[in-house]
Amino acid sequence: MKRVKQYSFASIIFAFSDISLANVEDWYMMWGFGIASHSHAAATENYMKVNEIVGSSRTQNAIDMFGIYFPMGNDQTIVGFVVNGTYDSVQNSSALIQYNYYNYAISTLHFTGKEPGDGFFLRADVGKASSVLVVDNYYENSFKDIEGTWGIVTGIGYGLPITPAARILVGLNYTLRNINKENEIATEFIVDLLW
Protein backbone atom coordinates (compact mmCIF):
# COMPACT_ATOMS: atom_id res chain seq x y z
CA MET A 1 0.00 0.00 0.00
CA LYS A 2 2.82 2.37 0.85
CA ARG A 3 4.50 1.75 -2.53
CA VAL A 4 1.29 2.56 -4.36
CA LYS A 5 1.08 5.94 -2.62
CA GLN A 6 4.70 6.71 -3.47
CA TYR A 7 4.13 5.72 -7.09
CA SER A 8 1.07 7.96 -7.30
CA PHE A 9 3.00 10.93 -5.90
CA ALA A 10 5.81 10.30 -8.40
CA SER A 11 3.26 10.17 -11.22
CA ILE A 12 1.96 13.59 -10.22
CA ILE A 13 5.49 15.05 -10.20
CA PHE A 14 6.23 13.57 -13.65
CA ALA A 15 2.90 14.86 -14.96
CA PHE A 16 3.78 18.42 -13.90
CA SER A 17 7.24 17.99 -15.42
CA ASP A 18 5.66 17.06 -18.74
CA ILE A 19 3.41 20.10 -18.55
CA SER A 20 6.38 22.39 -17.93
CA LEU A 21 7.99 21.06 -21.12
CA ALA A 22 5.06 22.21 -23.28
CA ASN A 23 5.83 24.10 -26.48
CA VAL A 24 6.33 27.85 -26.31
CA GLU A 25 3.18 29.60 -27.59
CA ASP A 26 3.18 32.14 -30.43
CA TRP A 27 1.45 34.62 -28.11
CA TYR A 28 -0.08 34.74 -24.63
CA MET A 29 -2.97 36.40 -22.83
CA MET A 30 -2.90 37.38 -19.15
CA TRP A 31 -5.62 38.35 -16.66
CA GLY A 32 -5.40 38.42 -12.90
CA PHE A 33 -6.85 39.61 -9.61
CA GLY A 34 -5.45 40.28 -6.16
CA ILE A 35 -5.28 42.51 -3.13
CA ALA A 36 -3.54 45.86 -2.77
CA SER A 37 -2.28 48.20 -0.09
CA HIS A 38 -2.09 51.90 -1.02
CA SER A 39 0.19 54.66 0.18
CA HIS A 40 -1.59 57.80 -1.02
CA ALA A 41 -0.48 61.36 -1.37
CA ALA A 42 -1.40 63.28 1.80
CA ALA A 43 -4.47 65.05 0.37
CA THR A 44 -5.93 61.82 -1.03
CA GLU A 45 -5.34 59.89 2.20
CA ASN A 46 -6.97 62.65 4.28
CA TYR A 47 -9.99 62.62 1.96
CA MET A 48 -10.34 58.85 2.37
CA LYS A 49 -10.03 59.01 6.17
CA VAL A 50 -12.59 61.81 6.48
CA ASN A 51 -15.11 59.59 4.67
CA GLU A 52 -14.17 56.41 6.56
CA ILE A 53 -16.97 56.85 9.09
CA VAL A 54 -18.40 54.36 11.56
CA GLY A 55 -20.15 51.52 9.74
CA SER A 56 -18.10 51.85 6.57
CA SER A 57 -15.77 49.29 5.03
CA ARG A 58 -12.55 49.90 3.12
CA THR A 59 -11.57 47.65 0.21
CA GLN A 60 -8.32 47.66 -1.76
CA ASN A 61 -7.78 45.34 -4.72
CA ALA A 62 -5.59 44.90 -7.80
CA ILE A 63 -6.21 43.63 -11.32
CA ASP A 64 -4.32 42.82 -14.52
CA MET A 65 -6.42 43.17 -17.69
CA PHE A 66 -6.06 42.77 -21.46
CA GLY A 67 -2.54 41.36 -21.23
CA ILE A 68 -1.13 40.31 -24.61
CA TYR A 69 2.46 39.06 -24.74
CA PHE A 70 4.86 37.67 -27.34
CA PRO A 71 7.90 35.47 -26.65
CA MET A 72 11.39 36.73 -27.33
CA GLY A 73 14.13 34.60 -28.87
CA ASN A 74 15.38 33.11 -25.60
CA ASP A 75 11.99 31.45 -24.79
CA GLN A 76 12.21 32.76 -21.21
CA THR A 77 11.11 36.36 -21.81
CA ILE A 78 7.78 37.67 -23.03
CA VAL A 79 7.04 41.30 -23.94
CA GLY A 80 3.68 42.91 -24.56
CA PHE A 81 0.95 45.22 -23.33
CA VAL A 82 -1.11 45.07 -20.12
CA VAL A 83 -3.42 47.29 -18.08
CA ASN A 84 -2.58 47.07 -14.39
CA GLY A 85 -5.09 48.65 -12.02
CA THR A 86 -5.76 49.09 -8.33
CA TYR A 87 -8.64 50.63 -6.44
CA ASP A 88 -9.22 51.92 -2.92
CA SER A 89 -12.82 52.35 -1.82
CA VAL A 90 -14.74 53.40 1.29
CA GLN A 91 -18.36 52.27 1.32
CA ASN A 92 -21.32 52.18 3.66
CA SER A 93 -25.03 51.61 3.16
CA SER A 94 -25.60 55.05 1.63
CA ALA A 95 -22.33 56.20 0.06
CA LEU A 96 -19.29 55.09 -1.95
CA ILE A 97 -16.01 56.89 -2.53
CA GLN A 98 -13.47 55.07 -4.68
CA TYR A 99 -10.15 55.91 -6.33
CA ASN A 100 -9.31 53.82 -9.39
CA TYR A 101 -5.70 53.82 -10.62
CA TYR A 102 -4.56 52.49 -14.00
CA ASN A 103 -1.28 51.91 -15.79
CA TYR A 104 -1.47 51.31 -19.57
CA ALA A 105 1.95 49.84 -20.13
CA ILE A 106 4.53 48.00 -22.15
CA SER A 107 5.31 44.98 -19.98
CA THR A 108 8.14 42.46 -19.75
CA LEU A 109 8.15 39.16 -17.85
CA HIS A 110 11.39 37.17 -17.58
CA PHE A 111 11.23 33.59 -16.26
CA THR A 112 14.02 31.39 -14.89
CA GLY A 113 12.41 28.15 -16.11
CA LYS A 114 12.44 26.54 -19.53
CA GLU A 115 9.50 28.52 -20.93
CA PRO A 116 7.23 31.48 -20.17
CA GLY A 117 5.18 30.75 -17.07
CA ASP A 118 7.69 28.33 -15.54
CA GLY A 119 9.64 29.12 -12.36
CA PHE A 120 10.62 32.36 -10.69
CA PHE A 121 10.10 35.55 -12.69
CA LEU A 122 10.76 39.29 -12.74
CA ARG A 123 8.25 41.83 -14.02
CA ALA A 124 8.72 45.39 -15.30
CA ASP A 125 5.98 47.63 -16.77
CA VAL A 126 6.35 51.23 -17.96
CA GLY A 127 3.49 53.30 -19.30
CA LYS A 128 0.80 55.96 -18.98
CA ALA A 129 -0.94 56.38 -15.62
CA SER A 130 -4.46 57.63 -15.02
CA SER A 131 -6.98 57.81 -12.20
CA VAL A 132 -10.73 58.14 -11.70
CA LEU A 133 -12.50 59.32 -8.55
CA VAL A 134 -15.95 57.75 -8.13
CA VAL A 135 -18.41 59.42 -5.73
CA ASP A 136 -21.89 57.98 -5.22
CA ASN A 137 -24.12 59.29 -2.42
CA TYR A 138 -27.43 61.13 -1.86
CA TYR A 139 -26.00 64.39 -3.15
CA GLU A 140 -23.66 63.34 -5.93
CA ASN A 141 -23.10 60.61 -8.49
CA SER A 142 -19.95 61.41 -10.42
CA PHE A 143 -16.87 60.07 -12.16
CA LYS A 144 -13.96 62.51 -12.15
CA ASP A 145 -10.91 61.90 -14.32
CA ILE A 146 -7.68 62.91 -12.59
CA GLU A 147 -4.69 63.83 -14.71
CA GLY A 148 -1.87 61.29 -14.70
CA THR A 149 1.49 61.14 -16.43
CA TRP A 150 3.70 58.07 -16.01
CA GLY A 151 3.46 54.81 -14.13
CA ILE A 152 5.70 51.82 -13.40
CA VAL A 153 5.14 48.34 -12.05
CA THR A 154 7.99 46.14 -10.80
CA GLY A 155 7.47 42.68 -9.43
CA ILE A 156 8.73 39.24 -8.54
CA GLY A 157 6.86 35.97 -8.49
CA TYR A 158 6.61 32.30 -9.34
CA GLY A 159 4.97 30.64 -12.33
CA LEU A 160 3.45 27.16 -12.29
CA PRO A 161 2.21 25.39 -15.44
CA ILE A 162 -1.17 23.75 -14.75
CA THR A 163 -1.95 22.46 -18.25
CA PRO A 164 0.09 22.33 -21.47
CA ALA A 165 -1.40 25.72 -22.41
CA ALA A 166 -2.05 27.52 -19.08
CA ARG A 167 0.12 28.81 -16.28
CA ILE A 168 -0.65 30.41 -12.90
CA LEU A 169 1.58 33.31 -11.91
CA VAL A 170 1.70 34.36 -8.25
CA GLY A 171 3.32 37.76 -7.92
CA LEU A 172 4.21 40.56 -5.53
CA ASN A 173 4.24 43.95 -7.29
CA TYR A 174 5.26 47.49 -6.38
CA THR A 175 3.47 50.19 -8.36
CA LEU A 176 4.30 53.87 -8.62
CA ARG A 177 2.01 56.23 -10.52
CA ASN A 178 2.36 59.98 -10.95
CA ILE A 179 -1.20 61.31 -10.56
CA ASN A 180 -2.01 65.03 -10.42
CA LYS A 181 1.72 65.74 -9.86
CA GLU A 182 1.75 63.48 -6.79
CA ASN A 183 3.14 59.96 -6.42
CA GLU A 184 0.59 57.24 -5.66
CA ILE A 185 2.13 53.98 -4.45
CA ALA A 186 0.58 50.53 -4.08
CA THR A 187 1.84 47.09 -3.17
CA GLU A 188 -0.03 44.22 -4.85
CA PHE A 189 -0.32 40.51 -4.20
CA ILE A 190 -1.83 39.21 -7.43
CA VAL A 191 -2.59 35.87 -9.07
CA ASP A 192 -2.58 35.88 -12.87
CA LEU A 193 -3.57 33.30 -15.44
CA LEU A 194 -1.23 33.21 -18.43
CA TRP A 195 -2.39 31.18 -21.44
C-alpha atoms as a PDB file:
ATOM      1  CA  MET A   1       0.000   0.000   0.000  1.00  0.00           C
ATOM      2  CA  LYS A   2       2.822   2.367   0.847  1.00  0.00           C
ATOM      3  CA  ARG A   3       4.501   1.745  -2.528  1.00  0.00           C
ATOM      4  CA  VAL A   4       1.287   2.558  -4.363  1.00  0.00           C
ATOM      5  CA  LYS A   5       1.082   5.942  -2.621  1.00  0.00           C
ATOM      6  CA  GLN A   6       4.701   6.710  -3.468  1.00  0.00           C
ATOM      7  CA  TYR A   7       4.132   5.718  -7.093  1.00  0.00           C
ATOM      8  CA  SER A   8       1.072   7.961  -7.304  1.00  0.00           C
ATOM      9  CA  PHE A   9       2.998  10.925  -5.897  1.00  0.00           C
ATOM     10  CA  ALA A  10       5.815  10.302  -8.396  1.00  0.00           C
ATOM     11  CA  SER A  11       3.261  10.167 -11.221  1.00  0.00           C
ATOM     12  CA  ILE A  12       1.963  13.594 -10.220  1.00  0.00           C
ATOM     13  CA  ILE A  13       5.488  15.048 -10.197  1.00  0.00           C
ATOM     14  CA  PHE A  14       6.225  13.575 -13.648  1.00  0.00           C
ATOM     15  CA  ALA A  15       2.897  14.860 -14.961  1.00  0.00           C
ATOM     16  CA  PHE A  16       3.776  18.424 -13.900  1.00  0.00           C
ATOM     17  CA  SER A  17       7.239  17.985 -15.417  1.00  0.00           C
ATOM     18  CA  ASP A  18       5.661  17.057 -18.740  1.00  0.00           C
ATOM     19  CA  ILE A  19       3.409  20.103 -18.554  1.00  0.00           C
ATOM     20  CA  SER A  20       6.377  22.386 -17.929  1.00  0.00           C
ATOM     21  CA  LEU A  21       7.987  21.058 -21.116  1.00  0.00           C
ATOM     22  CA  ALA A  22       5.061  22.214 -23.283  1.00  0.00           C
ATOM     23  CA  ASN A  23       5.825  24.096 -26.476  1.00  0.00           C
ATOM     24  CA  VAL A  24       6.330  27.846 -26.314  1.00  0.00           C
ATOM     25  CA  GLU A  25       3.182  29.601 -27.592  1.00  0.00           C
ATOM     26  CA  ASP A  26       3.179  32.144 -30.434  1.00  0.00           C
ATOM     27  CA  TRP A  27       1.454  34.622 -28.109  1.00  0.00           C
ATOM     28  CA  TYR A  28      -0.081  34.737 -24.631  1.00  0.00           C
ATOM     29  CA  MET A  29      -2.968  36.400 -22.828  1.00  0.00           C
ATOM     30  CA  MET A  30      -2.900  37.381 -19.155  1.00  0.00           C
ATOM     31  CA  TRP A  31      -5.623  38.352 -16.662  1.00  0.00           C
ATOM     32  CA  GLY A  32      -5.395  38.420 -12.897  1.00  0.00           C
ATOM     33  CA  PHE A  33      -6.848  39.608  -9.611  1.00  0.00           C
ATOM     34  CA  GLY A  34      -5.454  40.275  -6.161  1.00  0.00           C
ATOM     35  CA  ILE A  35      -5.285  42.510  -3.127  1.00  0.00           C
ATOM     36  CA  ALA A  36      -3.537  45.855  -2.775  1.00  0.00           C
ATOM     37  CA  SER A  37      -2.284  48.200  -0.091  1.00  0.00           C
ATOM     38  CA  HIS A  38      -2.087  51.898  -1.023  1.00  0.00           C
ATOM     39  CA  SER A  39       0.188  54.664   0.175  1.00  0.00           C
ATOM     40  CA  HIS A  40      -1.591  57.797  -1.021  1.00  0.00           C
ATOM     41  CA  ALA A  41      -0.483  61.360  -1.372  1.00  0.00           C
ATOM     42  CA  ALA A  42      -1.399  63.279   1.796  1.00  0.00           C
ATOM     43  CA  ALA A  43      -4.469  65.051   0.368  1.00  0.00           C
ATOM     44  CA  THR A  44      -5.928  61.823  -1.026  1.00  0.00           C
ATOM     45  CA  GLU A  45      -5.344  59.889   2.196  1.00  0.00           C
ATOM     46  CA  ASN A  46      -6.972  62.645   4.275  1.00  0.00           C
ATOM     47  CA  TYR A  47      -9.989  62.622   1.958  1.00  0.00           C
ATOM     48  CA  MET A  48     -10.343  58.848   2.367  1.00  0.00           C
ATOM     49  CA  LYS A  49     -10.027  59.007   6.168  1.00  0.00           C
ATOM     50  CA  VAL A  50     -12.595  61.809   6.477  1.00  0.00           C
ATOM     51  CA  ASN A  51     -15.113  59.587   4.668  1.00  0.00           C
ATOM     52  CA  GLU A  52     -14.170  56.414   6.564  1.00  0.00           C
ATOM     53  CA  ILE A  53     -16.968  56.852   9.087  1.00  0.00           C
ATOM     54  CA  VAL A  54     -18.402  54.361  11.560  1.00  0.00           C
ATOM     55  CA  GLY A  55     -20.146  51.518   9.742  1.00  0.00           C
ATOM     56  CA  SER A  56     -18.103  51.854   6.573  1.00  0.00           C
ATOM     57  CA  SER A  57     -15.770  49.293   5.026  1.00  0.00           C
ATOM     58  CA  ARG A  58     -12.545  49.900   3.121  1.00  0.00           C
ATOM     59  CA  THR A  59     -11.572  47.650   0.212  1.00  0.00           C
ATOM     60  CA  GLN A  60      -8.316  47.657  -1.757  1.00  0.00           C
ATOM     61  CA  ASN A  61      -7.778  45.339  -4.717  1.00  0.00           C
ATOM     62  CA  ALA A  62      -5.593  44.902  -7.800  1.00  0.00           C
ATOM     63  CA  ILE A  63      -6.205  43.634 -11.317  1.00  0.00           C
ATOM     64  CA  ASP A  64      -4.319  42.816 -14.521  1.00  0.00           C
ATOM     65  CA  MET A  65      -6.425  43.173 -17.687  1.00  0.00           C
ATOM     66  CA  PHE A  66      -6.064  42.774 -21.463  1.00  0.00           C
ATOM     67  CA  GLY A  67      -2.537  41.361 -21.228  1.00  0.00           C
ATOM     68  CA  ILE A  68      -1.126  40.312 -24.609  1.00  0.00           C
ATOM     69  CA  TYR A  69       2.465  39.063 -24.742  1.00  0.00           C
ATOM     70  CA  PHE A  70       4.857  37.674 -27.338  1.00  0.00           C
ATOM     71  CA  PRO A  71       7.898  35.465 -26.646  1.00  0.00           C
ATOM     72  CA  MET A  72      11.389  36.734 -27.333  1.00  0.00           C
ATOM     73  CA  GLY A  73      14.132  34.605 -28.868  1.00  0.00           C
ATOM     74  CA  ASN A  74      15.385  33.109 -25.599  1.00  0.00           C
ATOM     75  CA  ASP A  75      11.992  31.449 -24.790  1.00  0.00           C
ATOM     76  CA  GLN A  76      12.212  32.757 -21.207  1.00  0.00           C
ATOM     77  CA  THR A  77      11.114  36.359 -21.811  1.00  0.00           C
ATOM     78  CA  ILE A  78       7.777  37.675 -23.029  1.00  0.00           C
ATOM     79  CA  VAL A  79       7.039  41.297 -23.943  1.00  0.00           C
ATOM     80  CA  GLY A  80       3.678  42.915 -24.558  1.00  0.00           C
ATOM     81  CA  PHE A  81       0.945  45.220 -23.330  1.00  0.00           C
ATOM     82  CA  VAL A  82      -1.107  45.071 -20.119  1.00  0.00           C
ATOM     83  CA  VAL A  83      -3.416  47.288 -18.081  1.00  0.00           C
ATOM     84  CA  ASN A  84      -2.585  47.067 -14.385  1.00  0.00           C
ATOM     85  CA  GLY A  85      -5.087  48.647 -12.022  1.00  0.00           C
ATOM     86  CA  THR A  86      -5.761  49.092  -8.330  1.00  0.00           C
ATOM     87  CA  TYR A  87      -8.638  50.628  -6.440  1.00  0.00           C
ATOM     88  CA  ASP A  88      -9.221  51.922  -2.917  1.00  0.00           C
ATOM     89  CA  SER A  89     -12.823  52.348  -1.822  1.00  0.00           C
ATOM     90  CA  VAL A  90     -14.737  53.395   1.291  1.00  0.00           C
ATOM     91  CA  GLN A  91     -18.358  52.271   1.317  1.00  0.00           C
ATOM     92  CA  ASN A  92     -21.321  52.182   3.662  1.00  0.00           C
ATOM     93  CA  SER A  93     -25.033  51.607   3.158  1.00  0.00           C
ATOM     94  CA  SER A  94     -25.603  55.051   1.634  1.00  0.00           C
ATOM     95  CA  ALA A  95     -22.331  56.199   0.058  1.00  0.00           C
ATOM     96  CA  LEU A  96     -19.295  55.087  -1.946  1.00  0.00           C
ATOM     97  CA  ILE A  97     -16.008  56.885  -2.530  1.00  0.00           C
ATOM     98  CA  GLN A  98     -13.466  55.073  -4.682  1.00  0.00           C
ATOM     99  CA  TYR A  99     -10.153  55.912  -6.327  1.00  0.00           C
ATOM    100  CA  ASN A 100      -9.305  53.816  -9.389  1.00  0.00           C
ATOM    101  CA  TYR A 101      -5.705  53.821 -10.619  1.00  0.00           C
ATOM    102  CA  TYR A 102      -4.560  52.486 -13.996  1.00  0.00           C
ATOM    103  CA  ASN A 103      -1.283  51.912 -15.791  1.00  0.00           C
ATOM    104  CA  TYR A 104      -1.468  51.309 -19.575  1.00  0.00           C
ATOM    105  CA  ALA A 105       1.950  49.839 -20.129  1.00  0.00           C
ATOM    106  CA  ILE A 106       4.532  48.003 -22.150  1.00  0.00           C
ATOM    107  CA  SER A 107       5.307  44.980 -19.981  1.00  0.00           C
ATOM    108  CA  THR A 108       8.136  42.464 -19.751  1.00  0.00           C
ATOM    109  CA  LEU A 109       8.154  39.156 -17.852  1.00  0.00           C
ATOM    110  CA  HIS A 110      11.387  37.167 -17.581  1.00  0.00           C
ATOM    111  CA  PHE A 111      11.233  33.590 -16.255  1.00  0.00           C
ATOM    112  CA  THR A 112      14.024  31.392 -14.886  1.00  0.00           C
ATOM    113  CA  GLY A 113      12.415  28.150 -16.105  1.00  0.00           C
ATOM    114  CA  LYS A 114      12.443  26.544 -19.535  1.00  0.00           C
ATOM    115  CA  GLU A 115       9.504  28.516 -20.928  1.00  0.00           C
ATOM    116  CA  PRO A 116       7.230  31.475 -20.169  1.00  0.00           C
ATOM    117  CA  GLY A 117       5.176  30.755 -17.069  1.00  0.00           C
ATOM    118  CA  ASP A 118       7.686  28.334 -15.537  1.00  0.00           C
ATOM    119  CA  GLY A 119       9.638  29.122 -12.364  1.00  0.00           C
ATOM    120  CA  PHE A 120      10.620  32.359 -10.693  1.00  0.00           C
ATOM    121  CA  PHE A 121      10.102  35.546 -12.691  1.00  0.00           C
ATOM    122  CA  LEU A 122      10.761  39.287 -12.735  1.00  0.00           C
ATOM    123  CA  ARG A 123       8.250  41.827 -14.024  1.00  0.00           C
ATOM    124  CA  ALA A 124       8.720  45.387 -15.303  1.00  0.00           C
ATOM    125  CA  ASP A 125       5.976  47.628 -16.774  1.00  0.00           C
ATOM    126  CA  VAL A 126       6.353  51.232 -17.958  1.00  0.00           C
ATOM    127  CA  GLY A 127       3.489  53.295 -19.303  1.00  0.00           C
ATOM    128  CA  LYS A 128       0.804  55.955 -18.977  1.00  0.00           C
ATOM    129  CA  ALA A 129      -0.941  56.380 -15.624  1.00  0.00           C
ATOM    130  CA  SER A 130      -4.457  57.634 -15.019  1.00  0.00           C
ATOM    131  CA  SER A 131      -6.981  57.810 -12.202  1.00  0.00           C
ATOM    132  CA  VAL A 132     -10.729  58.143 -11.704  1.00  0.00           C
ATOM    133  CA  LEU A 133     -12.503  59.325  -8.548  1.00  0.00           C
ATOM    134  CA  VAL A 134     -15.948  57.747  -8.128  1.00  0.00           C
ATOM    135  CA  VAL A 135     -18.406  59.424  -5.735  1.00  0.00           C
ATOM    136  CA  ASP A 136     -21.886  57.979  -5.221  1.00  0.00           C
ATOM    137  CA  ASN A 137     -24.121  59.288  -2.420  1.00  0.00           C
ATOM    138  CA  TYR A 138     -27.431  61.125  -1.858  1.00  0.00           C
ATOM    139  CA  TYR A 139     -25.997  64.394  -3.154  1.00  0.00           C
ATOM    140  CA  GLU A 140     -23.663  63.340  -5.934  1.00  0.00           C
ATOM    141  CA  ASN A 141     -23.104  60.607  -8.488  1.00  0.00           C
ATOM    142  CA  SER A 142     -19.946  61.412 -10.417  1.00  0.00           C
ATOM    143  CA  PHE A 143     -16.866  60.067 -12.165  1.00  0.00           C
ATOM    144  CA  LYS A 144     -13.965  62.509 -12.147  1.00  0.00           C
ATOM    145  CA  ASP A 145     -10.911  61.896 -14.320  1.00  0.00           C
ATOM    146  CA  ILE A 146      -7.681  62.912 -12.587  1.00  0.00           C
ATOM    147  CA  GLU A 147      -4.691  63.834 -14.707  1.00  0.00           C
ATOM    148  CA  GLY A 148      -1.868  61.292 -14.702  1.00  0.00           C
ATOM    149  CA  THR A 149       1.486  61.145 -16.434  1.00  0.00           C
ATOM    150  CA  TRP A 150       3.699  58.069 -16.009  1.00  0.00           C
ATOM    151  CA  GLY A 151       3.462  54.809 -14.132  1.00  0.00           C
ATOM    152  CA  ILE A 152       5.699  51.825 -13.403  1.00  0.00           C
ATOM    153  CA  VAL A 153       5.141  48.336 -12.049  1.00  0.00           C
ATOM    154  CA  THR A 154       7.991  46.144 -10.800  1.00  0.00           C
ATOM    155  CA  GLY A 155       7.471  42.678  -9.428  1.00  0.00           C
ATOM    156  CA  ILE A 156       8.732  39.240  -8.540  1.00  0.00           C
ATOM    157  CA  GLY A 157       6.862  35.969  -8.488  1.00  0.00           C
ATOM    158  CA  TYR A 158       6.614  32.300  -9.345  1.00  0.00           C
ATOM    159  CA  GLY A 159       4.968  30.636 -12.332  1.00  0.00           C
ATOM    160  CA  LEU A 160       3.446  27.164 -12.285  1.00  0.00           C
ATOM    161  CA  PRO A 161       2.209  25.386 -15.443  1.00  0.00           C
ATOM    162  CA  ILE A 162      -1.167  23.747 -14.754  1.00  0.00           C
ATOM    163  CA  THR A 163      -1.954  22.458 -18.253  1.00  0.00           C
ATOM    164  CA  PRO A 164       0.092  22.327 -21.473  1.00  0.00           C
ATOM    165  CA  ALA A 165      -1.402  25.720 -22.411  1.00  0.00           C
ATOM    166  CA  ALA A 166      -2.053  27.517 -19.081  1.00  0.00           C
ATOM    167  CA  ARG A 167       0.121  28.810 -16.277  1.00  0.00           C
ATOM    168  CA  ILE A 168      -0.653  30.408 -12.905  1.00  0.00           C
ATOM    169  CA  LEU A 169       1.578  33.311 -11.909  1.00  0.00           C
ATOM    170  CA  VAL A 170       1.704  34.363  -8.249  1.00  0.00           C
ATOM    171  CA  GLY A 171       3.324  37.765  -7.917  1.00  0.00           C
ATOM    172  CA  LEU A 172       4.210  40.563  -5.526  1.00  0.00           C
ATOM    173  CA  ASN A 173       4.235  43.949  -7.288  1.00  0.00           C
ATOM    174  CA  TYR A 174       5.262  47.488  -6.377  1.00  0.00           C
ATOM    175  CA  THR A 175       3.468  50.192  -8.363  1.00  0.00           C
ATOM    176  CA  LEU A 176       4.304  53.875  -8.616  1.00  0.00           C
ATOM    177  CA  ARG A 177       2.005  56.230 -10.518  1.00  0.00           C
ATOM    178  CA  ASN A 178       2.355  59.979 -10.955  1.00  0.00           C
ATOM    179  CA  ILE A 179      -1.195  61.315 -10.565  1.00  0.00           C
ATOM    180  CA  ASN A 180      -2.012  65.033 -10.420  1.00  0.00           C
ATOM    181  CA  LYS A 181       1.721  65.744  -9.863  1.00  0.00           C
ATOM    182  CA  GLU A 182       1.747  63.484  -6.787  1.00  0.00           C
ATOM    183  CA  ASN A 183       3.137  59.957  -6.419  1.00  0.00           C
ATOM    184  CA  GLU A 184       0.587  57.239  -5.661  1.00  0.00           C
ATOM    185  CA  ILE A 185       2.131  53.980  -4.452  1.00  0.00           C
ATOM    186  CA  ALA A 186       0.583  50.534  -4.082  1.00  0.00           C
ATOM    187  CA  THR A 187       1.840  47.086  -3.174  1.00  0.00           C
ATOM    188  CA  GLU A 188      -0.033  44.223  -4.854  1.00  0.00           C
ATOM    189  CA  PHE A 189      -0.321  40.512  -4.198  1.00  0.00           C
ATOM    190  CA  ILE A 190      -1.826  39.212  -7.425  1.00  0.00           C
ATOM    191  CA  VAL A 191      -2.590  35.867  -9.072  1.00  0.00           C
ATOM    192  CA  ASP A 192      -2.576  35.879 -12.874  1.00  0.00           C
ATOM    193  CA  LEU A 193      -3.572  33.303 -15.443  1.00  0.00           C
ATOM    194  CA  LEU A 194      -1.228  33.207 -18.434  1.00  0.00           C
ATOM    195  CA  TRP A 195      -2.386  31.178 -21.438  1.00  0.00           C
END
